[in-house]
């Protein structure tokens, strides 16, 4: 009998000891609600924000080409021009027709005064004058467009024609880019991150060749890239000229800091029990009366390498999260 009593005593003692050890095996941390703010560091490549493909409006033989790939040029500089012999002859012919049409209208107006012609003849002559004037304007415009004039200060990216080659309308001759305020860094953001950035937002950029620079977000796409599902934003390098230690294709580091009106719990990743199929996170929290632990689902605002950012329903509530040891607690059936 005495032996049975000692066995029961030992069993109860060991059970209580195990329960006490288990109760101290998980760590609870009180986490306050904070406004959601985050800093994203992301790498990207330098590229031109805009490029321009230049071609002639008229056909003709390429007579002059003053630039090649990699050359810089000034605004209003003549970059290329056609042999204009045919275009000049066409313009001169239209001009002669215009002078004749004007003279015919004047002659018919004098004849009407002497009742030697009709208003109908004069109307036809005036219509002919307007048609001829329009044809002359087109001929003059074609001659003018036989030159490619630089619309800005820039650099030649590619050249696709040679001297004396026959050019056709809309055939690309040069691709150019402005060198002032035209350099951007392409940065990919996730679907959760894209909602926190805005046009004109200031960011910090690091280039190995120039160090720390200022930039601003100049483009935010409405659709993600089909290959990697990232949203490729443009970060404009303010006040930077191409060629001043910066080349396209160069790698850069972009640091984007943003705040929002959302309130979150910043919880260590170690607290995550599981994820629902809808993207919600399941964690163990302590009851308000500290009587036990329960599982609760939270909407995930964002995740980084260290923390879960869980949406809070109120900005003045704190929650006691189990950040370590929830695995052992779960297996005990609590």
C-alpha atoms as a PDB file:
ATOM      1  CA  UNK A   1       0.000   0.000   0.000  1.00  0.00           C
ATOM      2  CA  UNK A   2       2.784   2.328   0.933  1.00  0.00           C
ATOM      3  CA  UNK A   3       4.480   1.495  -2.316  1.00  0.00           C
ATOM      4  CA  UNK A   4       1.353   2.399  -4.326  1.00  0.00           C
ATOM      5  CA  UNK A   5       1.107   5.772  -2.529  1.00  0.00           C
ATOM      6  CA  UNK A   6       4.698   6.611  -3.423  1.00  0.00           C
ATOM      7  CA  UNK A   7       4.038   5.706  -7.092  1.00  0.00           C
ATOM      8  CA  UNK A   8       0.983   7.960  -7.272  1.00  0.00           C
ATOM      9  CA  UNK A   9       2.857  10.781  -5.576  1.00  0.00           C
ATOM     10  CA  UNK A  10       5.742  10.440  -8.040  1.00  0.00           C
ATOM     11  CA  UNK A  11       3.365  10.426 -11.016  1.00  0.00           C
ATOM     12  CA  UNK A  12       1.561  13.599  -9.899  1.00  0.00           C
ATOM     13  CA  UNK A  13       4.858  15.333  -9.109  1.00  0.00           C
ATOM     14  CA  UNK A  14       6.351  14.509 -12.485  1.00  0.00           C
ATOM     15  CA  UNK A  15       3.162  15.582 -14.304  1.00  0.00           C
ATOM     16  CA  UNK A  16       3.083  18.921 -12.529  1.00  0.00           C
ATOM     17  CA  UNK A  17       6.778  19.436 -13.203  1.00  0.00           C
ATOM     18  CA  UNK A  18       6.281  18.684 -16.929  1.00  0.00           C
ATOM     19  CA  UNK A  19       3.307  21.054 -17.135  1.00  0.00           C
ATOM     20  CA  UNK A  20       5.271  23.781 -15.361  1.00  0.00           C
ATOM     21  CA  UNK A  21       8.230  23.311 -17.731  1.00  0.00           C
ATOM     22  CA  UNK A  22       5.930  23.398 -20.760  1.00  0.00           C
ATOM     23  CA  UNK A  23       4.237  26.552 -19.537  1.00  0.00           C
ATOM     24  CA  UNK A  24       7.623  28.250 -19.494  1.00  0.00           C
ATOM     25  CA  UNK A  25       8.686  26.824 -22.858  1.00  0.00           C
ATOM     26  CA  UNK A  26       6.964  29.464 -24.984  1.00  0.00           C
ATOM     27  CA  UNK A  27       7.728  33.172 -25.053  1.00  0.00           C
ATOM     28  CA  UNK A  28       4.978  35.804 -25.069  1.00  0.00           C
ATOM     29  CA  UNK A  29       5.654  39.369 -26.156  1.00  0.00           C
ATOM     30  CA  UNK A  30       3.317  42.358 -25.902  1.00  0.00           C
ATOM     31  CA  UNK A  31       3.357  44.152 -29.275  1.00  0.00           C
ATOM     32  CA  UNK A  32       1.870  47.614 -29.719  1.00  0.00           C
ATOM     33  CA  UNK A  33       0.170  48.939 -32.822  1.00  0.00           C
ATOM     34  CA  UNK A  34       2.368  51.222 -34.924  1.00  0.00           C
ATOM     35  CA  UNK A  35       1.828  53.190 -38.159  1.00  0.00           C
ATOM     36  CA  UNK A  36       3.123  51.141 -41.074  1.00  0.00           C
ATOM     37  CA  UNK A  37       6.376  52.437 -42.434  1.00  0.00           C
ATOM     38  CA  UNK A  38       9.045  50.596 -44.321  1.00  0.00           C
ATOM     39  CA  UNK A  39      12.297  51.051 -46.141  1.00  0.00           C
ATOM     40  CA  UNK A  40      12.846  48.996 -49.277  1.00  0.00           C
ATOM     41  CA  UNK A  41      16.356  48.484 -50.629  1.00  0.00           C
ATOM     42  CA  UNK A  42      16.294  47.158 -54.152  1.00  0.00           C
ATOM     43  CA  UNK A  43      18.819  46.888 -56.961  1.00  0.00           C
ATOM     44  CA  UNK A  44      18.112  48.070 -60.503  1.00  0.00           C
ATOM     45  CA  UNK A  45      19.724  49.042 -63.797  1.00  0.00           C
ATOM     46  CA  UNK A  46      20.260  52.502 -65.275  1.00  0.00           C
ATOM     47  CA  UNK A  47      18.393  53.130 -68.524  1.00  0.00           C
ATOM     48  CA  UNK A  48      17.007  56.000 -70.594  1.00  0.00           C
ATOM     49  CA  UNK A  49      13.462  56.987 -69.706  1.00  0.00           C
ATOM     50  CA  UNK A  50      12.664  58.046 -73.284  1.00  0.00           C
ATOM     51  CA  UNK A  51      14.293  57.360 -76.648  1.00  0.00           C
ATOM     52  CA  UNK A  52      13.337  58.704 -80.072  1.00  0.00           C
ATOM     53  CA  UNK A  53      13.495  56.960 -83.459  1.00  0.00           C
ATOM     54  CA  UNK A  54      14.106  59.376 -86.324  1.00  0.00           C
ATOM     55  CA  UNK A  55      13.236  58.930 -89.994  1.00  0.00           C
ATOM     56  CA  UNK A  56      12.561  61.005 -93.120  1.00  0.00           C
ATOM     57  CA  UNK A  57       9.076  61.826 -94.339  1.00  0.00           C
ATOM     58  CA  UNK A  58      10.074  61.680 -97.997  1.00  0.00           C
ATOM     59  CA  UNK A  59      12.075  59.217-100.057  1.00  0.00           C
ATOM     60  CA  UNK A  60      15.523  60.015-101.422  1.00  0.00           C
ATOM     61  CA  UNK A  61      19.203  59.176-101.221  1.00  0.00           C
ATOM     62  CA  UNK A  62      21.013  59.812 -97.945  1.00  0.00           C
ATOM     63  CA  UNK A  63      23.458  62.635 -98.685  1.00  0.00           C
ATOM     64  CA  UNK A  64      24.672  63.729 -95.245  1.00  0.00           C
ATOM     65  CA  UNK A  65      25.068  61.881 -91.928  1.00  0.00           C
ATOM     66  CA  UNK A  66      26.932  63.936 -89.347  1.00  0.00           C
ATOM     67  CA  UNK A  67      26.753  61.590 -86.326  1.00  0.00           C
ATOM     68  CA  UNK A  68      27.437  57.953 -85.476  1.00  0.00           C
ATOM     69  CA  UNK A  69      26.594  55.649 -82.571  1.00  0.00           C
ATOM     70  CA  UNK A  70      27.804  57.090 -79.264  1.00  0.00           C
ATOM     71  CA  UNK A  71      28.163  60.658 -80.602  1.00  0.00           C
ATOM     72  CA  UNK A  72      26.621  63.536 -78.690  1.00  0.00           C
ATOM     73  CA  UNK A  73      24.943  66.478 -80.417  1.00  0.00           C
ATOM     74  CA  UNK A  74      23.379  69.848 -79.657  1.00  0.00           C
ATOM     75  CA  UNK A  75      19.777  70.938 -80.019  1.00  0.00           C
ATOM     76  CA  UNK A  76      18.867  72.079 -83.594  1.00  0.00           C
ATOM     77  CA  UNK A  77      21.993  70.420 -85.038  1.00  0.00           C
ATOM     78  CA  UNK A  78      21.486  68.859 -88.500  1.00  0.00           C
ATOM     79  CA  UNK A  79      21.991  65.115 -87.990  1.00  0.00           C
ATOM     80  CA  UNK A  80      21.188  63.819 -91.491  1.00  0.00           C
ATOM     81  CA  UNK A  81      19.809  65.045 -94.816  1.00  0.00           C
ATOM     82  CA  UNK A  82      18.655  63.708 -98.198  1.00  0.00           C
ATOM     83  CA  UNK A  83      19.636  64.648-101.730  1.00  0.00           C
ATOM     84  CA  UNK A  84      16.983  67.330-102.310  1.00  0.00           C
ATOM     85  CA  UNK A  85      17.194  67.805-106.109  1.00  0.00           C
ATOM     86  CA  UNK A  86      13.827  66.170-106.828  1.00  0.00           C
ATOM     87  CA  UNK A  87      12.176  67.774-103.803  1.00  0.00           C
ATOM     88  CA  UNK A  88      13.352  71.253-104.834  1.00  0.00           C
ATOM     89  CA  UNK A  89      12.093  70.717-108.372  1.00  0.00           C
ATOM     90  CA  UNK A  90       8.725  69.584-107.037  1.00  0.00           C
ATOM     91  CA  UNK A  91       8.493  72.655-104.819  1.00  0.00           C
ATOM     92  CA  UNK A  92       9.446  75.012-107.661  1.00  0.00           C
ATOM     93  CA  UNK A  93       6.883  73.385-109.953  1.00  0.00           C
ATOM     94  CA  UNK A  94       4.132  73.807-107.354  1.00  0.00           C
ATOM     95  CA  UNK A  95       5.176  77.403-106.806  1.00  0.00           C
ATOM     96  CA  UNK A  96       4.876  78.153-110.550  1.00  0.00           C
ATOM     97  CA  UNK A  97       1.398  76.571-110.562  1.00  0.00           C
ATOM     98  CA  UNK A  98       0.460  78.721-107.587  1.00  0.00           C
ATOM     99  CA  UNK A  99       1.542  81.914-109.344  1.00  0.00           C
ATOM    100  CA  UNK A 100      -0.439  80.936-112.443  1.00  0.00           C
ATOM    101  CA  UNK A 101      -3.544  80.181-110.364  1.00  0.00           C
ATOM    102  CA  UNK A 102      -3.313  83.557-108.646  1.00  0.00           C
ATOM    103  CA  UNK A 103      -2.959  85.301-112.008  1.00  0.00           C
ATOM    104  CA  UNK A 104      -5.971  83.440-113.404  1.00  0.00           C
ATOM    105  CA  UNK A 105      -8.180  84.525-110.512  1.00  0.00           C
ATOM    106  CA  UNK A 106      -7.089  88.129-110.964  1.00  0.00           C
ATOM    107  CA  UNK A 107      -7.763  87.961-114.721  1.00  0.00           C
ATOM    108  CA  UNK A 108     -11.256  86.525-114.308  1.00  0.00           C
ATOM    109  CA  UNK A 109     -12.131  89.149-111.708  1.00  0.00           C
ATOM    110  CA  UNK A 110     -11.298  91.878-114.263  1.00  0.00           C
ATOM    111  CA  UNK A 111     -13.323  90.135-116.970  1.00  0.00           C
ATOM    112  CA  UNK A 112     -16.397  89.972-114.724  1.00  0.00           C
ATOM    113  CA  UNK A 113     -16.223  93.714-114.252  1.00  0.00           C
ATOM    114  CA  UNK A 114     -16.632  94.031-118.017  1.00  0.00           C
ATOM    115  CA  UNK A 115     -19.296  91.321-118.211  1.00  0.00           C
ATOM    116  CA  UNK A 116     -16.899  89.119-120.178  1.00  0.00           C
ATOM    117  CA  UNK A 117     -16.903  86.155-117.752  1.00  0.00           C
ATOM    118  CA  UNK A 118     -19.177  84.485-115.191  1.00  0.00           C
ATOM    119  CA  UNK A 119     -19.165  84.074-111.425  1.00  0.00           C
ATOM    120  CA  UNK A 120     -19.039  80.320-111.955  1.00  0.00           C
ATOM    121  CA  UNK A 121     -15.715  80.590-113.801  1.00  0.00           C
ATOM    122  CA  UNK A 122     -14.320  82.767-111.023  1.00  0.00           C
ATOM    123  CA  UNK A 123     -15.412  80.294-108.326  1.00  0.00           C
ATOM    124  CA  UNK A 124     -13.724  77.447-110.183  1.00  0.00           C
ATOM    125  CA  UNK A 125     -10.530  79.512-110.513  1.00  0.00           C
ATOM    126  CA  UNK A 126     -10.556  80.327-106.790  1.00  0.00           C
ATOM    127  CA  UNK A 127     -11.000  76.647-105.935  1.00  0.00           C
ATOM    128  CA  UNK A 128      -8.086  75.822-108.201  1.00  0.00           C
ATOM    129  CA  UNK A 129      -6.021  78.482-106.408  1.00  0.00           C
ATOM    130  CA  UNK A 130      -6.682  76.957-102.975  1.00  0.00           C
ATOM    131  CA  UNK A 131      -5.867  73.458-104.227  1.00  0.00           C
ATOM    132  CA  UNK A 132      -2.607  74.668-105.762  1.00  0.00           C
ATOM    133  CA  UNK A 133      -1.673  76.577-102.606  1.00  0.00           C
ATOM    134  CA  UNK A 134      -2.184  73.407-100.509  1.00  0.00           C
ATOM    135  CA  UNK A 135      -0.051  71.375-102.935  1.00  0.00           C
ATOM    136  CA  UNK A 136       2.724  73.978-102.687  1.00  0.00           C
ATOM    137  CA  UNK A 137       2.640  73.834 -98.872  1.00  0.00           C
ATOM    138  CA  UNK A 138       3.023  70.034 -98.977  1.00  0.00           C
ATOM    139  CA  UNK A 139       5.970  70.298-101.398  1.00  0.00           C
ATOM    140  CA  UNK A 140       7.611  72.918 -99.195  1.00  0.00           C
ATOM    141  CA  UNK A 141       7.037  70.758 -96.103  1.00  0.00           C
ATOM    142  CA  UNK A 142       8.548  67.681 -97.805  1.00  0.00           C
ATOM    143  CA  UNK A 143      11.648  69.674 -98.699  1.00  0.00           C
ATOM    144  CA  UNK A 144      11.916  70.955 -95.138  1.00  0.00           C
ATOM    145  CA  UNK A 145      11.627  67.405 -93.770  1.00  0.00           C
ATOM    146  CA  UNK A 146      14.476  66.219 -95.989  1.00  0.00           C
ATOM    147  CA  UNK A 147      16.648  67.105 -93.003  1.00  0.00           C
ATOM    148  CA  UNK A 148      16.689  65.483 -89.561  1.00  0.00           C
ATOM    149  CA  UNK A 149      17.250  68.228 -87.000  1.00  0.00           C
ATOM    150  CA  UNK A 150      18.001  67.387 -83.369  1.00  0.00           C
ATOM    151  CA  UNK A 151      15.004  68.240 -81.152  1.00  0.00           C
ATOM    152  CA  UNK A 152      17.187  68.334 -78.018  1.00  0.00           C
ATOM    153  CA  UNK A 153      20.725  67.892 -76.744  1.00  0.00           C
ATOM    154  CA  UNK A 154      21.377  64.179 -76.804  1.00  0.00           C
ATOM    155  CA  UNK A 155      23.325  61.084 -77.767  1.00  0.00           C
ATOM    156  CA  UNK A 156      23.019  58.640 -80.672  1.00  0.00           C
ATOM    157  CA  UNK A 157      22.061  55.146 -79.528  1.00  0.00           C
ATOM    158  CA  UNK A 158      21.982  53.439 -82.920  1.00  0.00           C
ATOM    159  CA  UNK A 159      22.413  54.188 -86.624  1.00  0.00           C
ATOM    160  CA  UNK A 160      20.727  52.020 -89.244  1.00  0.00           C
ATOM    161  CA  UNK A 161      21.601  53.689 -92.576  1.00  0.00           C
ATOM    162  CA  UNK A 162      24.642  54.472 -94.682  1.00  0.00           C
ATOM    163  CA  UNK A 163      25.445  57.358 -97.008  1.00  0.00           C
ATOM    164  CA  UNK A 164      23.954  57.094-100.511  1.00  0.00           C
ATOM    165  CA  UNK A 165      21.397  54.505 -99.424  1.00  0.00           C
ATOM    166  CA  UNK A 166      17.885  55.066-100.728  1.00  0.00           C
ATOM    167  CA  UNK A 167      15.596  56.067 -97.872  1.00  0.00           C
ATOM    168  CA  UNK A 168      11.879  55.399 -97.757  1.00  0.00           C
ATOM    169  CA  UNK A 169       9.347  57.253 -95.607  1.00  0.00           C
ATOM    170  CA  UNK A 170       9.278  56.111 -91.964  1.00  0.00           C
ATOM    171  CA  UNK A 171      12.412  53.977 -92.322  1.00  0.00           C
ATOM    172  CA  UNK A 172      14.429  54.458 -89.131  1.00  0.00           C
ATOM    173  CA  UNK A 173      17.750  56.245 -89.613  1.00  0.00           C
ATOM    174  CA  UNK A 174      18.808  57.061 -86.046  1.00  0.00           C
ATOM    175  CA  UNK A 175      17.712  56.276 -82.498  1.00  0.00           C
ATOM    176  CA  UNK A 176      18.581  59.032 -80.050  1.00  0.00           C
ATOM    177  CA  UNK A 177      18.045  59.940 -76.400  1.00  0.00           C
ATOM    178  CA  UNK A 178      18.214  63.185 -74.437  1.00  0.00           C
ATOM    179  CA  UNK A 179      21.162  63.303 -72.048  1.00  0.00           C
ATOM    180  CA  UNK A 180      19.639  65.728 -69.523  1.00  0.00           C
ATOM    181  CA  UNK A 181      17.095  64.479 -66.938  1.00  0.00           C
ATOM    182  CA  UNK A 182      16.473  61.305 -68.925  1.00  0.00           C
ATOM    183  CA  UNK A 183      18.292  58.648 -66.891  1.00  0.00           C
ATOM    184  CA  UNK A 184      16.176  56.313 -64.769  1.00  0.00           C
ATOM    185  CA  UNK A 185      16.693  53.200 -62.709  1.00  0.00           C
ATOM    186  CA  UNK A 186      14.247  50.357 -63.331  1.00  0.00           C
ATOM    187  CA  UNK A 187      13.210  48.837 -59.990  1.00  0.00           C
ATOM    188  CA  UNK A 188      10.836  45.889 -59.469  1.00  0.00           C
ATOM    189  CA  UNK A 189       8.300  46.010 -56.613  1.00  0.00           C
ATOM    190  CA  UNK A 190       5.860  43.375 -55.413  1.00  0.00           C
ATOM    191  CA  UNK A 191       2.086  43.764 -55.549  1.00  0.00           C
ATOM    192  CA  UNK A 192       2.046  44.682 -51.845  1.00  0.00           C
ATOM    193  CA  UNK A 193       4.871  47.239 -52.132  1.00  0.00           C
ATOM    194  CA  UNK A 194       3.532  49.025 -55.212  1.00  0.00           C
ATOM    195  CA  UNK A 195       0.540  50.336 -53.268  1.00  0.00           C
ATOM    196  CA  UNK A 196       2.752  52.414 -50.973  1.00  0.00           C
ATOM    197  CA  UNK A 197       4.701  54.408 -53.562  1.00  0.00           C
ATOM    198  CA  UNK A 198       3.520  57.481 -55.457  1.00  0.00           C
ATOM    199  CA  UNK A 199       4.618  59.624 -58.394  1.00  0.00           C
ATOM    200  CA  UNK A 200       7.139  62.289 -57.478  1.00  0.00           C
ATOM    201  CA  UNK A 201       8.173  60.506 -54.265  1.00  0.00           C
ATOM    202  CA  UNK A 202      11.785  61.249 -53.315  1.00  0.00           C
ATOM    203  CA  UNK A 203      14.140  58.285 -52.970  1.00  0.00           C
ATOM    204  CA  UNK A 204      17.817  57.725 -52.277  1.00  0.00           C
ATOM    205  CA  UNK A 205      20.069  56.188 -54.939  1.00  0.00           C
ATOM    206  CA  UNK A 206      23.580  54.815 -54.648  1.00  0.00           C
ATOM    207  CA  UNK A 207      25.807  54.527 -57.741  1.00  0.00           C
ATOM    208  CA  UNK A 208      29.314  53.074 -57.306  1.00  0.00           C
ATOM    209  CA  UNK A 209      30.766  55.716 -59.637  1.00  0.00           C
ATOM    210  CA  UNK A 210      29.075  58.758 -58.066  1.00  0.00           C
ATOM    211  CA  UNK A 211      28.037  57.709 -54.563  1.00  0.00           C
ATOM    212  CA  UNK A 212      24.761  58.840 -52.973  1.00  0.00           C
ATOM    213  CA  UNK A 213      22.312  60.675 -55.263  1.00  0.00           C
ATOM    214  CA  UNK A 214      18.767  62.012 -55.174  1.00  0.00           C
ATOM    215  CA  UNK A 215      16.032  60.471 -57.282  1.00  0.00           C
ATOM    216  CA  UNK A 216      12.278  60.545 -57.611  1.00  0.00           C
ATOM    217  CA  UNK A 217       9.685  58.059 -58.821  1.00  0.00           C
ATOM    218  CA  UNK A 218       8.644  59.145 -62.321  1.00  0.00           C
ATOM    219  CA  UNK A 219       6.584  56.144 -63.502  1.00  0.00           C
ATOM    220  CA  UNK A 220       4.348  53.605 -61.762  1.00  0.00           C
ATOM    221  CA  UNK A 221       2.882  50.892 -64.033  1.00  0.00           C
ATOM    222  CA  UNK A 222      -0.670  49.631 -63.693  1.00  0.00           C
ATOM    223  CA  UNK A 223       0.268  46.097 -64.753  1.00  0.00           C
ATOM    224  CA  UNK A 224       2.991  43.767 -63.528  1.00  0.00           C
ATOM    225  CA  UNK A 225       5.703  42.255 -65.676  1.00  0.00           C
ATOM    226  CA  UNK A 226       4.428  38.988 -67.132  1.00  0.00           C
ATOM    227  CA  UNK A 227       7.767  37.238 -66.577  1.00  0.00           C
ATOM    228  CA  UNK A 228       8.324  37.845 -62.860  1.00  0.00           C
ATOM    229  CA  UNK A 229       5.020  39.420 -61.702  1.00  0.00           C
ATOM    230  CA  UNK A 230       6.890  42.497 -60.428  1.00  0.00           C
ATOM    231  CA  UNK A 231       5.857  46.098 -61.054  1.00  0.00           C
ATOM    232  CA  UNK A 232       8.752  47.878 -62.790  1.00  0.00           C
ATOM    233  CA  UNK A 233       8.860  51.511 -61.632  1.00  0.00           C
ATOM    234  CA  UNK A 234      11.140  54.258 -62.972  1.00  0.00           C
ATOM    235  CA  UNK A 235      13.329  56.244 -60.560  1.00  0.00           C
ATOM    236  CA  UNK A 236      14.545  59.419 -62.287  1.00  0.00           C
ATOM    237  CA  UNK A 237      18.095  60.565 -61.482  1.00  0.00           C
ATOM    238  CA  UNK A 238      17.545  64.278 -60.924  1.00  0.00           C
ATOM    239  CA  UNK A 239      20.086  66.674 -62.398  1.00  0.00           C
ATOM    240  CA  UNK A 240      22.289  63.895 -63.793  1.00  0.00           C
ATOM    241  CA  UNK A 241      23.583  64.060 -67.370  1.00  0.00           C
ATOM    242  CA  UNK A 242      24.374  60.885 -69.274  1.00  0.00           C
ATOM    243  CA  UNK A 243      28.101  60.410 -69.619  1.00  0.00           C
ATOM    244  CA  UNK A 244      29.001  62.052 -66.297  1.00  0.00           C
ATOM    245  CA  UNK A 245      30.121  58.804 -64.713  1.00  0.00           C
ATOM    246  CA  UNK A 246      26.783  57.139 -65.503  1.00  0.00           C
ATOM    247  CA  UNK A 247      26.117  54.690 -68.325  1.00  0.00           C
ATOM    248  CA  UNK A 248      23.052  52.652 -69.208  1.00  0.00           C
ATOM    249  CA  UNK A 249      23.131  49.105 -67.894  1.00  0.00           C
ATOM    250  CA  UNK A 250      25.026  50.175 -64.786  1.00  0.00           C
ATOM    251  CA  UNK A 251      23.788  48.649 -61.515  1.00  0.00           C
ATOM    252  CA  UNK A 252      22.434  50.919 -58.786  1.00  0.00           C
ATOM    253  CA  UNK A 253      20.955  50.556 -55.307  1.00  0.00           C
ATOM    254  CA  UNK A 254      17.638  52.303 -54.584  1.00  0.00           C
ATOM    255  CA  UNK A 255      16.330  52.967 -51.075  1.00  0.00           C
ATOM    256  CA  UNK A 256      12.600  53.782 -50.890  1.00  0.00           C
ATOM    257  CA  UNK A 257      11.154  54.851 -47.538  1.00  0.00           C
ATOM    258  CA  UNK A 258       7.411  55.225 -47.195  1.00  0.00           C
ATOM    259  CA  UNK A 259       4.735  55.735 -44.558  1.00  0.00           C
ATOM    260  CA  UNK A 260       1.040  54.958 -44.757  1.00  0.00           C
ATOM    261  CA  UNK A 261      -2.187  55.510 -42.853  1.00  0.00           C
ATOM    262  CA  UNK A 262      -2.349  51.779 -42.033  1.00  0.00           C
ATOM    263  CA  UNK A 263      -1.690  50.499 -38.509  1.00  0.00           C
ATOM    264  CA  UNK A 264       0.112  47.200 -38.048  1.00  0.00           C
ATOM    265  CA  UNK A 265       1.628  44.765 -35.586  1.00  0.00           C
ATOM    266  CA  UNK A 266       5.308  44.214 -36.394  1.00  0.00           C
ATOM    267  CA  UNK A 267       5.704  40.581 -35.334  1.00  0.00           C
ATOM    268  CA  UNK A 268       8.847  38.407 -35.660  1.00  0.00           C
ATOM    269  CA  UNK A 269       8.596  35.725 -38.346  1.00  0.00           C
ATOM    270  CA  UNK A 270       9.222  33.077 -35.687  1.00  0.00           C
ATOM    271  CA  UNK A 271       5.657  33.669 -34.425  1.00  0.00           C
ATOM    272  CA  UNK A 272       4.027  32.459 -37.645  1.00  0.00           C
ATOM    273  CA  UNK A 273       2.090  29.228 -37.134  1.00  0.00           C
ATOM    274  CA  UNK A 274       0.725  28.819 -40.678  1.00  0.00           C
ATOM    275  CA  UNK A 275      -0.701  30.666 -43.682  1.00  0.00           C
ATOM    276  CA  UNK A 276      -4.256  30.322 -44.947  1.00  0.00           C
ATOM    277  CA  UNK A 277      -4.887  29.879 -48.665  1.00  0.00           C
ATOM    278  CA  UNK A 278      -6.313  33.434 -48.769  1.00  0.00           C
ATOM    279  CA  UNK A 279      -2.972  34.833 -47.572  1.00  0.00           C
ATOM    280  CA  UNK A 280      -3.925  35.467 -43.949  1.00  0.00           C
ATOM    281  CA  UNK A 281      -1.404  34.553 -41.227  1.00  0.00           C
ATOM    282  CA  UNK A 282      -2.305  32.392 -38.222  1.00  0.00           C
ATOM    283  CA  UNK A 283      -0.573  33.119 -34.890  1.00  0.00           C
ATOM    284  CA  UNK A 284      -1.014  32.165 -31.239  1.00  0.00           C
ATOM    285  CA  UNK A 285      -2.016  34.986 -28.920  1.00  0.00           C
ATOM    286  CA  UNK A 286      -2.653  35.133 -25.202  1.00  0.00           C
ATOM    287  CA  UNK A 287      -6.147  35.778 -23.878  1.00  0.00           C
ATOM    288  CA  UNK A 288      -6.732  39.175 -22.350  1.00  0.00           C
ATOM    289  CA  UNK A 289      -7.310  37.505 -18.962  1.00  0.00           C
ATOM    290  CA  UNK A 290      -4.042  35.537 -19.433  1.00  0.00           C
ATOM    291  CA  UNK A 291      -5.972  32.299 -18.950  1.00  0.00           C
ATOM    292  CA  UNK A 292      -4.706  30.560 -22.057  1.00  0.00           C
ATOM    293  CA  UNK A 293      -3.644  30.776 -25.682  1.00  0.00           C
ATOM    294  CA  UNK A 294      -5.798  30.889 -28.814  1.00  0.00           C
ATOM    295  CA  UNK A 295      -5.135  30.894 -32.554  1.00  0.00           C
ATOM    296  CA  UNK A 296      -6.095  34.035 -34.475  1.00  0.00           C
ATOM    297  CA  UNK A 297      -5.910  34.998 -38.150  1.00  0.00           C
ATOM    298  CA  UNK A 298      -4.504  38.353 -39.330  1.00  0.00           C
ATOM    299  CA  UNK A 299      -4.400  40.075 -42.713  1.00  0.00           C
ATOM    300  CA  UNK A 300      -0.784  40.405 -43.866  1.00  0.00           C
ATOM    301  CA  UNK A 301       0.211  43.891 -45.036  1.00  0.00           C
ATOM    302  CA  UNK A 302       3.786  42.905 -45.880  1.00  0.00           C
ATOM    303  CA  UNK A 303       6.571  40.443 -45.090  1.00  0.00           C
ATOM    304  CA  UNK A 304      10.315  40.993 -45.039  1.00  0.00           C
ATOM    305  CA  UNK A 305      13.228  38.804 -43.989  1.00  0.00           C
ATOM    306  CA  UNK A 306      12.613  39.399 -40.272  1.00  0.00           C
ATOM    307  CA  UNK A 307       9.036  40.490 -39.618  1.00  0.00           C
ATOM    308  CA  UNK A 308       5.386  40.008 -40.440  1.00  0.00           C
ATOM    309  CA  UNK A 309       3.377  43.239 -40.726  1.00  0.00           C
ATOM    310  CA  UNK A 310      -0.159  42.374 -39.632  1.00  0.00           C
ATOM    311  CA  UNK A 311      -3.074  44.736 -40.185  1.00  0.00           C
ATOM    312  CA  UNK A 312      -4.516  46.126 -36.933  1.00  0.00           C
ATOM    313  CA  UNK A 313      -8.193  46.945 -36.584  1.00  0.00           C
ATOM    314  CA  UNK A 314      -7.511  49.725 -34.081  1.00  0.00           C
ATOM    315  CA  UNK A 315      -4.548  52.009 -33.434  1.00  0.00           C
ATOM    316  CA  UNK A 316      -4.722  51.799 -29.624  1.00  0.00           C
ATOM    317  CA  UNK A 317      -4.660  48.025 -28.994  1.00  0.00           C
ATOM    318  CA  UNK A 318      -1.767  45.802 -28.012  1.00  0.00           C
ATOM    319  CA  UNK A 319      -1.700  42.013 -28.311  1.00  0.00           C
ATOM    320  CA  UNK A 320       0.397  39.384 -26.544  1.00  0.00           C
ATOM    321  CA  UNK A 321       1.850  37.180 -29.310  1.00  0.00           C
ATOM    322  CA  UNK A 322       3.593  33.853 -28.777  1.00  0.00           C
ATOM    323  CA  UNK A 323       6.810  34.485 -30.664  1.00  0.00           C
ATOM    324  CA  UNK A 324       8.677  31.304 -29.654  1.00  0.00           C
ATOM    325  CA  UNK A 325       7.626  27.816 -28.594  1.00  0.00           C
ATOM    326  CA  UNK A 326       4.177  27.676 -30.205  1.00  0.00           C
ATOM    327  CA  UNK A 327       5.141  24.353 -31.843  1.00  0.00           C
ATOM    328  CA  UNK A 328       5.335  22.512 -28.500  1.00  0.00           C
ATOM    329  CA  UNK A 329       2.188  24.176 -27.260  1.00  0.00           C
ATOM    330  CA  UNK A 330       0.280  23.080 -30.373  1.00  0.00           C
ATOM    331  CA  UNK A 331       1.353  19.449 -30.076  1.00  0.00           C
ATOM    332  CA  UNK A 332       0.044  19.197 -26.506  1.00  0.00           C
ATOM    333  CA  UNK A 333      -3.527  19.764 -27.606  1.00  0.00           C
ATOM    334  CA  UNK A 334      -4.010  23.141 -25.812  1.00  0.00           C
END
